């Protein structure tokens, strides 16, 4: 089993910054991560991709965050972070950490991010 623990959510004003972090822990051996990343879900909307990163460092961003958000990963520590700058009220959502292996997908509990105007 894999556990994902997020931290760093909160409330900021428009134009502010936040950093989300996620630590993956597991007791399994031979654990191989394909990608780690972040998704978000705003009230009344579907969950949507924000950014992902592979073990080789290849990144993928949603158009609405490109240039404002930066995803990074520490493979040795199984952590993934999301630096969010120039935040907008539309970025308000619960942000979920995501981890994909060749077999399955894991989700964190979610971290609330609220941007005030």
C-alpha atoms as a PDB file:
ATOM      1  CA  UNK A   1       0.000   0.000   0.000  1.00  0.00           C
ATOM      2  CA  UNK A   2       1.121   3.554  -0.713  1.00  0.00           C
ATOM      3  CA  UNK A   3       0.240   6.590   1.358  1.00  0.00           C
ATOM      4  CA  UNK A   4       0.397  10.123   0.006  1.00  0.00           C
ATOM      5  CA  UNK A   5       0.501  12.983   2.490  1.00  0.00           C
ATOM      6  CA  UNK A   6       0.044  16.529   1.225  1.00  0.00           C
ATOM      7  CA  UNK A   7       0.990  19.746   2.956  1.00  0.00           C
ATOM      8  CA  UNK A   8       1.154  23.436   2.190  1.00  0.00           C
ATOM      9  CA  UNK A   9      -2.392  24.411   1.295  1.00  0.00           C
ATOM     10  CA  UNK A  10      -3.931  27.583   2.621  1.00  0.00           C
ATOM     11  CA  UNK A  11      -5.476  30.947   1.875  1.00  0.00           C
ATOM     12  CA  UNK A  12      -3.741  33.739  -0.010  1.00  0.00           C
ATOM     13  CA  UNK A  13      -4.707  36.872  -1.883  1.00  0.00           C
ATOM     14  CA  UNK A  14      -4.755  37.210  -5.640  1.00  0.00           C
ATOM     15  CA  UNK A  15      -1.232  37.382  -6.972  1.00  0.00           C
ATOM     16  CA  UNK A  16       0.210  35.513  -4.025  1.00  0.00           C
ATOM     17  CA  UNK A  17       2.136  32.258  -3.876  1.00  0.00           C
ATOM     18  CA  UNK A  18       1.805  28.879  -2.212  1.00  0.00           C
ATOM     19  CA  UNK A  19       3.856  25.724  -2.281  1.00  0.00           C
ATOM     20  CA  UNK A  20       2.319  22.276  -2.043  1.00  0.00           C
ATOM     21  CA  UNK A  21       4.317  19.213  -1.116  1.00  0.00           C
ATOM     22  CA  UNK A  22       3.480  15.527  -1.146  1.00  0.00           C
ATOM     23  CA  UNK A  23       5.397  12.650   0.384  1.00  0.00           C
ATOM     24  CA  UNK A  24       4.812   9.089  -0.758  1.00  0.00           C
ATOM     25  CA  UNK A  25       5.481   6.352   1.733  1.00  0.00           C
ATOM     26  CA  UNK A  26       5.285   2.622   1.260  1.00  0.00           C
ATOM     27  CA  UNK A  27       6.478  -0.563   2.876  1.00  0.00           C
ATOM     28  CA  UNK A  28       6.548  -2.328  -0.455  1.00  0.00           C
ATOM     29  CA  UNK A  29       9.793  -3.254  -2.120  1.00  0.00           C
ATOM     30  CA  UNK A  30      10.405  -2.967  -5.835  1.00  0.00           C
ATOM     31  CA  UNK A  31       8.130   0.015  -5.984  1.00  0.00           C
ATOM     32  CA  UNK A  32       8.350   1.770  -9.347  1.00  0.00           C
ATOM     33  CA  UNK A  33       6.829   5.198  -9.890  1.00  0.00           C
ATOM     34  CA  UNK A  34       5.844   6.213 -13.420  1.00  0.00           C
ATOM     35  CA  UNK A  35       4.658   9.723 -12.625  1.00  0.00           C
ATOM     36  CA  UNK A  36       3.825  11.918  -9.667  1.00  0.00           C
ATOM     37  CA  UNK A  37       1.711  14.986  -9.967  1.00  0.00           C
ATOM     38  CA  UNK A  38      -1.137  17.211  -8.933  1.00  0.00           C
ATOM     39  CA  UNK A  39      -4.791  17.406  -9.850  1.00  0.00           C
ATOM     40  CA  UNK A  40      -7.417  19.796  -8.555  1.00  0.00           C
ATOM     41  CA  UNK A  41     -11.146  19.861  -8.066  1.00  0.00           C
ATOM     42  CA  UNK A  42     -13.180  23.012  -7.617  1.00  0.00           C
ATOM     43  CA  UNK A  43     -16.699  22.916  -6.144  1.00  0.00           C
ATOM     44  CA  UNK A  44     -19.188  21.549  -8.663  1.00  0.00           C
ATOM     45  CA  UNK A  45     -16.491  20.702 -11.193  1.00  0.00           C
ATOM     46  CA  UNK A  46     -14.641  17.581 -12.276  1.00  0.00           C
ATOM     47  CA  UNK A  47     -11.148  16.806 -11.114  1.00  0.00           C
ATOM     48  CA  UNK A  48      -8.596  18.104 -13.590  1.00  0.00           C
ATOM     49  CA  UNK A  49      -4.904  17.677 -14.213  1.00  0.00           C
ATOM     50  CA  UNK A  50      -2.623  20.470 -13.019  1.00  0.00           C
ATOM     51  CA  UNK A  51       0.866  19.080 -13.599  1.00  0.00           C
ATOM     52  CA  UNK A  52       2.774  15.810 -13.647  1.00  0.00           C
ATOM     53  CA  UNK A  53       6.418  14.824 -13.666  1.00  0.00           C
ATOM     54  CA  UNK A  54       8.119  11.570 -14.624  1.00  0.00           C
ATOM     55  CA  UNK A  55      11.087   9.931 -12.989  1.00  0.00           C
ATOM     56  CA  UNK A  56      13.230  11.341 -15.763  1.00  0.00           C
ATOM     57  CA  UNK A  57      12.030  14.852 -15.051  1.00  0.00           C
ATOM     58  CA  UNK A  58       9.683  15.255 -17.997  1.00  0.00           C
ATOM     59  CA  UNK A  59       6.920  17.662 -17.001  1.00  0.00           C
ATOM     60  CA  UNK A  60       3.409  18.188 -18.268  1.00  0.00           C
ATOM     61  CA  UNK A  61       1.293  21.221 -17.367  1.00  0.00           C
ATOM     62  CA  UNK A  62      -2.286  22.215 -17.924  1.00  0.00           C
ATOM     63  CA  UNK A  63      -2.524  25.295 -20.118  1.00  0.00           C
ATOM     64  CA  UNK A  64      -4.160  27.309 -17.374  1.00  0.00           C
ATOM     65  CA  UNK A  65      -1.121  27.006 -15.072  1.00  0.00           C
ATOM     66  CA  UNK A  66       1.751  26.995 -17.534  1.00  0.00           C
ATOM     67  CA  UNK A  67       4.157  29.781 -16.688  1.00  0.00           C
ATOM     68  CA  UNK A  68       2.740  30.251 -13.194  1.00  0.00           C
ATOM     69  CA  UNK A  69       3.168  26.842 -11.551  1.00  0.00           C
ATOM     70  CA  UNK A  70       6.303  24.716 -11.354  1.00  0.00           C
ATOM     71  CA  UNK A  71       6.362  21.045 -10.449  1.00  0.00           C
ATOM     72  CA  UNK A  72       9.448  19.372  -9.052  1.00  0.00           C
ATOM     73  CA  UNK A  73      10.317  15.977  -7.667  1.00  0.00           C
ATOM     74  CA  UNK A  74      12.860  14.422  -5.349  1.00  0.00           C
ATOM     75  CA  UNK A  75      13.106  10.821  -6.440  1.00  0.00           C
ATOM     76  CA  UNK A  76      15.258   9.758  -3.526  1.00  0.00           C
ATOM     77  CA  UNK A  77      12.646  10.988  -1.055  1.00  0.00           C
ATOM     78  CA  UNK A  78       9.565  10.139  -3.145  1.00  0.00           C
ATOM     79  CA  UNK A  79       8.310  13.681  -2.860  1.00  0.00           C
ATOM     80  CA  UNK A  80       6.679  15.992  -5.359  1.00  0.00           C
ATOM     81  CA  UNK A  81       6.157  19.717  -4.939  1.00  0.00           C
ATOM     82  CA  UNK A  82       4.128  22.342  -6.723  1.00  0.00           C
ATOM     83  CA  UNK A  83       5.218  25.963  -6.546  1.00  0.00           C
ATOM     84  CA  UNK A  84       2.230  28.138  -7.367  1.00  0.00           C
ATOM     85  CA  UNK A  85       2.799  31.793  -8.228  1.00  0.00           C
ATOM     86  CA  UNK A  86       0.537  34.561  -9.503  1.00  0.00           C
ATOM     87  CA  UNK A  87      -2.461  32.810  -8.012  1.00  0.00           C
ATOM     88  CA  UNK A  88      -5.951  33.719  -9.161  1.00  0.00           C
ATOM     89  CA  UNK A  89      -9.380  33.179  -7.590  1.00  0.00           C
ATOM     90  CA  UNK A  90     -10.010  30.576 -10.325  1.00  0.00           C
ATOM     91  CA  UNK A  91      -7.207  28.505  -8.803  1.00  0.00           C
ATOM     92  CA  UNK A  92      -9.324  27.934  -5.707  1.00  0.00           C
ATOM     93  CA  UNK A  93      -9.802  24.182  -5.357  1.00  0.00           C
ATOM     94  CA  UNK A  94      -8.813  21.099  -3.454  1.00  0.00           C
ATOM     95  CA  UNK A  95      -5.459  19.949  -4.800  1.00  0.00           C
ATOM     96  CA  UNK A  96      -4.772  16.222  -4.853  1.00  0.00           C
ATOM     97  CA  UNK A  97      -1.404  14.533  -5.030  1.00  0.00           C
ATOM     98  CA  UNK A  98      -1.296  11.698  -7.536  1.00  0.00           C
ATOM     99  CA  UNK A  99       1.102   8.812  -7.997  1.00  0.00           C
ATOM    100  CA  UNK A 100       0.982   6.347 -10.874  1.00  0.00           C
ATOM    101  CA  UNK A 101       2.745   3.027 -11.155  1.00  0.00           C
ATOM    102  CA  UNK A 102       2.556   0.531 -13.999  1.00  0.00           C
ATOM    103  CA  UNK A 103      -0.295  -1.165 -12.177  1.00  0.00           C
ATOM    104  CA  UNK A 104      -2.383   1.402 -10.360  1.00  0.00           C
ATOM    105  CA  UNK A 105      -2.936   4.993  -9.262  1.00  0.00           C
ATOM    106  CA  UNK A 106      -2.870   6.450  -5.779  1.00  0.00           C
ATOM    107  CA  UNK A 107      -4.394   9.670  -4.478  1.00  0.00           C
ATOM    108  CA  UNK A 108      -3.735  11.851  -1.490  1.00  0.00           C
ATOM    109  CA  UNK A 109      -6.464  13.216   0.759  1.00  0.00           C
ATOM    110  CA  UNK A 110      -6.327  16.662  -0.783  1.00  0.00           C
ATOM    111  CA  UNK A 111      -5.189  20.107   0.318  1.00  0.00           C
ATOM    112  CA  UNK A 112      -7.480  23.118   0.192  1.00  0.00           C
ATOM    113  CA  UNK A 113      -6.160  26.143  -1.688  1.00  0.00           C
ATOM    114  CA  UNK A 114      -8.235  29.312  -1.498  1.00  0.00           C
ATOM    115  CA  UNK A 115      -7.452  32.512  -3.347  1.00  0.00           C
ATOM    116  CA  UNK A 116      -9.235  35.683  -2.283  1.00  0.00           C
ATOM    117  CA  UNK A 117      -9.787  38.656  -4.553  1.00  0.00           C
END
